[in-house]
Protein backbone atom coordinates (compact mmCIF):
# COMPACT_ATOMS: atom_id res chain seq x y z
CA MET A 1 -5.07 -1.47 2.81
CA THR A 2 -5.30 -4.55 0.65
CA SER A 3 -7.24 -5.65 -2.40
CA GLU A 4 -9.05 -2.59 -3.82
CA ASP A 5 -8.96 -0.17 -0.86
CA SER A 6 -8.34 2.97 -2.92
CA GLY A 7 -9.49 5.22 -0.15
CA ILE A 8 -10.00 8.70 -1.52
CA HIS A 9 -12.05 8.63 -4.66
CA PRO A 10 -14.71 6.22 -5.85
CA VAL A 11 -13.67 3.33 -8.02
CA PRO A 12 -17.01 2.26 -9.45
CA GLN A 13 -15.46 -0.09 -11.97
CA SER A 14 -13.45 -1.98 -9.36
CA VAL A 15 -14.44 -5.50 -8.40
CA PRO A 16 -13.81 -6.74 -4.85
CA HIS A 17 -11.62 -9.77 -4.40
CA PRO A 18 -13.71 -12.94 -4.92
CA GLY A 19 -13.10 -13.89 -1.30
CA ASP A 20 -14.07 -10.52 0.10
CA ILE A 21 -17.21 -9.96 2.12
CA GLN A 22 -18.77 -6.59 1.40
CA PRO A 23 -21.59 -5.97 3.93
CA ALA A 24 -23.91 -3.02 3.49
CA MET A 25 -22.47 0.13 5.04
CA ASP A 26 -24.59 2.06 7.54
CA ALA A 27 -24.51 5.77 6.76
CA GLU A 28 -25.95 6.94 10.07
CA PRO A 29 -22.73 6.82 12.15
CA THR A 30 -20.97 8.82 9.45
CA ARG A 31 -23.78 11.37 9.31
CA LEU A 32 -23.65 11.78 13.09
CA ALA A 33 -19.88 12.27 12.90
CA LEU A 34 -20.36 15.11 10.40
CA HIS A 35 -22.58 16.89 12.92
CA ARG A 36 -20.18 16.22 15.79
CA LEU A 37 -17.28 17.66 13.82
CA GLY A 38 -19.22 20.77 12.89
CA LEU A 39 -19.17 20.00 9.19
CA LEU A 40 -22.96 19.69 8.94
CA SER A 41 -25.51 21.77 10.82
CA ASP A 42 -28.88 20.53 12.04
CA ASP A 43 -30.73 22.17 9.16
CA GLU A 44 -28.36 20.89 6.47
CA ASP A 45 -28.18 17.59 4.64
CA ALA A 46 -25.41 15.70 2.91
CA THR A 47 -25.27 13.05 0.21
CA LEU A 48 -23.21 10.04 1.26
CA THR A 49 -21.94 7.60 -1.35
CA PRO A 50 -20.13 4.46 -0.17
CA LEU A 51 -16.86 3.80 -1.93
CA THR A 52 -16.75 0.11 -2.70
CA GLY A 53 -13.92 -2.35 -2.66
CA GLY A 54 -12.10 -1.50 0.57
CA ILE A 55 -11.69 -4.32 3.08
CA ALA A 56 -10.06 -2.41 5.94
CA SER A 57 -12.31 0.62 6.35
CA ASP A 58 -15.70 2.07 5.61
CA ILE A 59 -15.09 4.91 3.16
CA TRP A 60 -17.61 7.50 2.00
CA LYS A 61 -17.73 10.29 -0.51
CA VAL A 62 -19.66 13.05 1.25
CA GLU A 63 -21.26 15.90 -0.66
CA LEU A 64 -21.76 18.70 1.85
CA PRO A 65 -23.59 21.93 1.01
CA HIS A 66 -20.26 23.78 0.80
CA ALA A 67 -17.73 21.10 -0.22
CA THR A 68 -17.17 17.48 -1.17
CA VAL A 69 -15.03 15.47 1.22
CA CYS A 70 -14.13 11.88 2.00
CA ILE A 71 -14.63 10.14 5.35
CA LYS A 72 -12.69 7.05 6.34
CA ARG A 73 -13.51 4.93 9.40
CA ALA A 74 -11.27 2.02 10.35
CA LEU A 75 -12.69 -1.47 10.89
CA HIS A 76 -11.43 -3.96 13.45
CA ARG A 77 -12.41 -7.06 11.46
CA LEU A 78 -11.49 -6.87 7.81
CA LYS A 79 -14.13 -7.68 5.22
CA VAL A 80 -12.71 -11.02 4.16
CA LYS A 81 -13.75 -14.63 4.73
CA ALA A 82 -10.70 -15.40 6.85
CA ASP A 83 -10.60 -14.15 10.44
CA TRP A 84 -8.32 -11.17 9.97
CA PHE A 85 -8.33 -8.65 12.80
CA VAL A 86 -6.15 -5.56 13.01
CA PRO A 87 -6.03 -2.84 15.69
CA ILE A 88 -8.56 -0.10 14.98
CA GLU A 89 -6.30 2.68 16.29
CA ARG A 90 -4.31 2.49 13.06
CA ASN A 91 -6.66 5.24 11.85
CA LEU A 92 -4.92 7.66 14.24
CA TYR A 93 -1.51 6.90 12.79
CA GLU A 94 -2.75 7.16 9.23
CA TRP A 95 -3.61 10.80 9.96
CA LEU A 96 -0.15 11.38 11.47
CA TYR A 97 1.56 9.82 8.45
CA TYR A 98 -0.33 12.14 6.11
CA GLU A 99 0.77 15.18 8.13
CA ILE A 100 4.42 14.15 8.06
CA ALA A 101 4.45 13.03 4.42
CA ASP A 102 3.02 16.35 3.28
CA ARG A 103 5.72 18.23 5.18
CA ALA A 104 8.38 16.02 3.62
CA ALA A 105 7.00 16.23 0.08
CA PRO A 106 4.21 18.79 -0.34
CA GLY A 107 1.37 17.26 -2.33
CA ALA A 108 2.28 13.69 -1.39
CA ALA A 109 -0.81 13.36 0.80
CA PRO A 110 -4.43 14.53 0.63
CA ARG A 111 -5.42 17.65 2.55
CA LEU A 112 -6.79 16.78 5.98
CA VAL A 113 -10.00 18.39 7.21
CA ALA A 114 -11.04 17.00 10.61
CA ARG A 115 -10.88 13.87 12.73
CA ASP A 116 -12.79 12.09 15.47
CA THR A 117 -10.25 10.17 17.52
CA GLU A 118 -12.90 8.37 19.59
CA ALA A 119 -14.76 7.05 16.54
CA TYR A 120 -11.50 6.29 14.68
CA LEU A 121 -12.47 8.25 11.62
CA PHE A 122 -11.20 11.29 9.80
CA VAL A 123 -12.26 13.62 7.02
CA MET A 124 -10.02 14.55 4.10
CA GLU A 125 -10.37 16.23 0.76
CA TYR A 126 -12.06 14.38 -2.06
CA LEU A 127 -9.78 14.06 -5.06
CA GLU A 128 -11.62 13.85 -8.35
CA PRO A 129 -10.56 10.80 -10.39
CA GLU A 130 -10.53 12.88 -13.56
CA SER A 131 -7.61 14.88 -12.16
CA TYR A 132 -6.17 12.17 -9.93
CA PRO A 133 -6.36 8.86 -11.81
CA LEU A 134 -5.49 5.74 -9.87
CA TRP A 135 -2.12 4.34 -10.94
CA LYS A 136 -3.43 0.78 -10.68
CA HIS A 137 -6.06 1.53 -13.32
CA GLN A 138 -3.50 3.08 -15.61
CA LEU A 139 -1.29 0.01 -15.29
CA ARG A 140 -4.27 -2.27 -15.84
CA ASP A 141 -4.89 -0.43 -19.09
CA GLY A 142 -1.29 -0.92 -20.17
CA LEU A 143 -0.17 2.66 -19.53
CA THR A 144 3.43 2.22 -18.44
CA ASP A 145 4.72 5.71 -17.73
CA VAL A 146 8.41 5.42 -16.88
CA GLY A 147 8.59 9.09 -15.89
CA PHE A 148 5.81 8.70 -13.34
CA SER A 149 7.46 5.56 -11.99
CA ILE A 150 10.65 7.55 -11.36
CA GLU A 151 8.61 10.17 -9.50
CA VAL A 152 6.98 7.50 -7.32
CA GLY A 153 10.42 6.23 -6.36
CA LYS A 154 11.74 9.72 -5.65
CA ARG A 155 8.70 10.77 -3.64
CA LEU A 156 8.92 7.66 -1.49
CA ALA A 157 12.65 8.15 -0.93
CA THR A 158 12.07 11.82 -0.06
CA ILE A 159 9.66 10.83 2.73
CA HIS A 160 12.07 8.19 3.99
CA SER A 161 14.96 10.65 3.94
CA TYR A 162 12.97 13.31 5.80
CA THR A 163 12.03 10.86 8.56
CA ALA A 164 15.33 8.96 8.78
CA ALA A 165 17.01 8.92 12.19
CA ARG A 166 14.21 11.09 13.60
CA ARG A 167 13.49 9.97 17.16
CA ASP A 168 10.75 12.59 17.42
CA ILE A 169 8.90 10.89 14.55
CA ALA A 170 9.66 7.36 15.70
CA ASP A 171 8.13 8.14 19.10
CA GLN A 172 4.84 9.11 17.42
CA PHE A 173 4.47 5.63 15.90
CA PRO A 174 4.37 2.93 18.61
CA THR A 175 2.79 0.78 15.93
CA ASP A 176 4.96 -2.29 15.62
CA ALA A 177 2.06 -4.54 16.65
CA ILE A 178 -0.24 -3.01 14.03
CA PHE A 179 2.34 -3.42 11.29
CA TYR A 180 3.13 -6.97 12.38
CA ALA A 181 -0.53 -8.03 12.34
CA SER A 182 -1.25 -6.30 9.05
CA ARG A 183 1.88 -7.19 7.12
CA MET A 184 4.24 -9.69 8.71
CA GLU A 185 1.64 -12.16 9.98
CA SER A 186 -0.80 -11.89 7.11
CA TYR A 187 1.82 -11.87 4.36
CA LEU A 188 5.08 -13.50 5.38
CA GLU A 189 4.04 -15.72 8.29
CA ALA A 190 1.05 -17.00 6.34
CA THR A 191 3.34 -17.76 3.41
CA ALA A 192 5.75 -19.63 5.67
CA ARG A 193 2.84 -21.76 6.88
CA ALA A 194 1.96 -22.53 3.24
CA HIS A 195 5.63 -23.38 2.49
CA PRO A 196 7.07 -24.94 5.67
CA ASP A 197 10.34 -25.76 3.96
CA LEU A 198 10.93 -22.02 3.47
CA GLU A 199 10.45 -21.02 7.12
CA ALA A 200 14.21 -20.74 7.70
CA HIS A 201 14.40 -18.24 4.84
CA ILE A 202 11.20 -16.26 5.49
CA PHE A 203 11.42 -15.68 9.24
CA PRO A 204 14.78 -13.86 9.01
CA LEU A 205 13.08 -11.45 6.59
CA ILE A 206 10.45 -10.74 9.23
CA ASP A 207 13.09 -10.21 11.87
CA ALA A 208 15.13 -7.83 9.68
CA THR A 209 12.04 -5.82 8.69
CA MET A 210 10.88 -5.40 12.28
CA HIS A 211 14.27 -4.57 13.80
CA THR A 212 15.73 -2.22 11.20
CA LYS A 213 14.60 1.15 12.55
CA ASN A 214 15.67 3.60 9.86
CA ALA A 215 12.65 5.64 8.73
CA LEU A 216 8.88 6.06 8.69
CA VAL A 217 7.36 3.25 6.63
CA HIS A 218 4.02 3.66 4.82
CA GLY A 219 3.33 -0.08 4.78
CA ASP A 220 1.03 -0.27 1.74
CA VAL A 221 2.77 1.47 -1.16
CA SER A 222 0.87 -0.15 -3.98
CA PRO A 223 -0.50 1.17 -7.29
CA LYS A 224 -3.97 0.88 -5.78
CA ASN A 225 -2.90 3.47 -3.21
CA ILE A 226 -1.14 5.91 -5.53
CA LEU A 227 -2.86 8.67 -7.48
CA ASN A 228 -1.24 10.29 -10.50
CA GLY A 229 -1.90 13.86 -9.48
CA PRO A 230 -1.07 17.24 -11.06
CA ARG A 231 1.75 17.73 -8.53
CA GLY A 232 3.02 14.19 -8.70
CA PRO A 233 2.20 10.97 -6.88
CA VAL A 234 -0.27 11.10 -3.98
CA LEU A 235 0.16 8.27 -1.47
CA LEU A 236 -2.99 6.89 0.13
CA ASP A 237 -3.93 4.54 2.97
CA PRO A 238 -0.89 4.44 5.25
CA GLU A 239 -2.88 2.38 7.76
CA CYS A 240 0.12 0.18 8.52
CA ALA A 241 2.56 3.04 9.11
CA PHE A 242 5.38 2.25 11.51
CA TYR A 243 8.95 3.29 12.13
CA GLY A 244 11.10 0.56 10.64
CA ASP A 245 12.80 -0.61 7.49
CA PRO A 246 12.10 1.53 4.39
CA ALA A 247 13.10 -1.48 2.28
CA PHE A 248 9.61 -2.81 2.95
CA ASP A 249 7.96 0.11 1.12
CA LEU A 250 10.26 -0.18 -1.87
CA ALA A 251 9.87 -3.96 -2.11
CA PHE A 252 6.10 -3.77 -1.64
CA CYS A 253 5.68 -1.36 -4.54
CA LEU A 254 8.14 -3.05 -6.89
CA ASN A 255 6.36 -6.34 -6.20
CA HIS A 256 3.20 -5.04 -7.85
CA LEU A 257 5.04 -4.06 -11.02
CA LEU A 258 6.23 -7.65 -11.33
CA LEU A 259 2.77 -9.08 -10.71
CA LYS A 260 1.14 -6.73 -13.22
CA CYS A 261 2.97 -8.69 -15.92
CA LEU A 262 0.38 -11.43 -15.37
CA TRP A 263 -2.54 -9.00 -15.45
CA THR A 264 -1.74 -7.20 -18.69
CA PRO A 265 0.72 -9.46 -20.53
CA SER A 266 0.92 -7.18 -23.57
CA SER A 267 2.64 -4.54 -21.42
CA ARG A 268 5.18 -6.80 -19.70
CA GLU A 269 8.20 -4.99 -21.07
CA GLY A 270 6.73 -1.69 -19.99
CA PHE A 271 6.09 -2.94 -16.45
CA LEU A 272 9.66 -4.14 -16.16
CA SER A 273 10.89 -0.77 -17.42
CA CYS A 274 8.75 0.90 -14.74
CA PHE A 275 10.31 -1.46 -12.18
CA GLN A 276 13.78 -0.32 -13.22
CA ALA A 277 12.78 3.35 -13.27
CA LEU A 278 11.14 3.30 -9.86
CA LYS A 279 14.09 1.45 -8.38
CA ASP A 280 16.61 3.86 -9.89
CA GLY A 281 14.61 6.94 -8.89
CA TYR A 282 14.39 5.72 -5.32
CA LEU A 283 18.01 4.64 -4.90
CA SER A 284 19.27 7.93 -6.36
CA LEU A 285 17.96 9.73 -3.27
CA VAL A 286 18.98 7.27 -0.55
CA ASP A 287 21.13 9.33 1.81
CA TRP A 288 20.46 7.81 5.24
CA GLU A 289 22.53 4.66 4.63
CA PRO A 290 24.63 3.19 1.79
CA ALA A 291 22.30 2.66 -1.17
CA ALA A 292 23.84 -0.78 -1.76
CA GLU A 293 22.76 -1.94 1.70
CA MET A 294 19.25 -0.64 1.16
CA GLU A 295 19.05 -2.41 -2.20
CA GLN A 296 20.34 -5.67 -0.77
CA ARG A 297 17.66 -5.82 1.92
CA THR A 298 15.00 -4.95 -0.64
CA ALA A 299 16.20 -7.63 -3.07
CA ARG A 300 16.05 -10.25 -0.32
CA LEU A 301 12.62 -9.22 0.92
CA LEU A 302 10.99 -8.85 -2.49
CA PRO A 303 10.73 -12.60 -3.33
CA GLY A 304 9.00 -13.19 0.00
CA LEU A 305 6.37 -10.57 -0.78
CA PHE A 306 6.11 -11.89 -4.35
CA LEU A 307 5.21 -15.33 -3.04
CA ALA A 308 2.98 -13.85 -0.32
CA ARG A 309 0.64 -12.30 -2.88
CA ILE A 310 -0.06 -15.82 -4.11
CA ASP A 311 -0.04 -17.89 -0.92
CA GLY A 312 -0.54 -15.36 1.89
CA LYS A 313 -3.78 -14.09 3.39
CA SER A 314 -4.24 -11.41 0.73
CA PRO A 315 -3.59 -12.87 -2.73
CA VAL A 316 -3.86 -10.44 -5.62
CA GLU A 317 -7.25 -10.74 -7.26
CA TYR A 318 -6.02 -10.75 -10.86
CA VAL A 319 -3.72 -13.79 -10.69
CA THR A 320 -6.42 -16.40 -11.11
CA SER A 321 -4.93 -19.38 -12.92
CA GLU A 322 -2.97 -22.08 -11.16
CA GLU A 323 -0.44 -21.96 -13.99
CA ASP A 324 0.33 -18.31 -13.22
CA ARG A 325 0.47 -18.97 -9.48
CA ASP A 326 2.96 -21.77 -10.08
CA LEU A 327 5.04 -19.45 -12.23
CA VAL A 328 5.32 -17.03 -9.30
CA ARG A 329 6.22 -19.90 -6.95
CA ARG A 330 8.88 -21.26 -9.31
CA THR A 331 10.44 -17.80 -9.53
CA ALA A 332 10.20 -16.78 -5.87
CA ARG A 333 11.34 -19.97 -4.18
CA PRO A 334 14.91 -20.08 -5.61
CA LEU A 335 15.33 -16.38 -4.86
CA LEU A 336 14.40 -17.06 -1.24
CA THR A 337 16.72 -20.02 -0.84
CA HIS A 338 19.58 -18.31 -2.70
CA PRO A 339 19.21 -14.56 -2.02
CA VAL A 340 20.54 -12.03 -4.51
CA GLU A 341 22.15 -8.65 -3.90
CA HIS A 342 20.57 -6.54 -6.63
CA LEU A 343 16.97 -5.81 -7.57
CA SER A 344 17.78 -6.20 -11.26
CA GLU A 345 18.55 -9.87 -10.54
CA VAL A 346 15.00 -10.32 -9.27
CA SER A 347 13.44 -8.66 -12.30
CA HIS A 348 15.71 -10.63 -14.66
CA ALA A 349 14.67 -13.91 -13.03
CA TRP A 350 11.01 -12.97 -13.53
CA HIS A 351 11.60 -11.86 -17.10
CA LYS A 352 13.27 -15.18 -17.85
CA ALA A 353 10.38 -17.10 -16.25
CA LEU A 354 7.83 -15.17 -18.30
CA GLY A 355 9.71 -15.96 -21.49
CA ARG A 356 9.47 -19.72 -21.09
């Protein structure tokens, strides 16, 4: 969900956020679930390997006698120092999102195997990192693939288009409270508390995001939750899925491409090109509302999320210097107080700030 919760394949080289608490995971409940679900018989054994880094769930790679799968069990209290609690039933809606996303864009989600709705866990296919590299790791290494960025934008827009104005889908996601706790309170409200003079600009963003009911929103579209698979992008960890404003997904993902400029400075131009490509790919498929309206809401929300990853409850782990944090603040604050209409204006403001 946040930090390094990659979800489907192990990320042994990842380092948890310095503020994260990573308690030892107990394998026994997961082993019992395998028996309950009929995936492991009494005379069989399985090898369980904890996947490190996630703060929202316990995640295991499970080597069964006949297959290798992944089990994910939601946690009520996130593994961070701050008291951050989110409803555990989000695990049920994550499963539903995967089902719908794969219908909308085949290959956009991992194959589902089984679920235990009482234990709030489910089993899905294990995707080998050799064939499904994590986009975050590619960006970290300076690999700025504009073509893949376009495909991310198009895949996301395809899911939004498929679910737009679908009351049958909206009714399956009574998850406003989950989304609010996981995203609005922890990101935007927390940022407003850190910047009281911006409250009048941040709270309208919250209101617009919560009350624009246009499509099914993933809620955590980040490079850490996107695999570069053989059939295109695979979206992971839709724990915050709710029926609302698709501008949140677009802004959330574009935000990371801006922030990566501080992680791998040598690839700044490439990251900004990926920003443009993802934005263009997405907007080219917007058919549920005027694309200009969608872009405007995204451009207004993006600076709030940009600032939130510095001063909210879940700061990005790779922006470590106060100088870089101040650079984000100096860029985001004017964009919040004087909103722009186009996403290119946000990226140009950041490009100008980086060039100083």
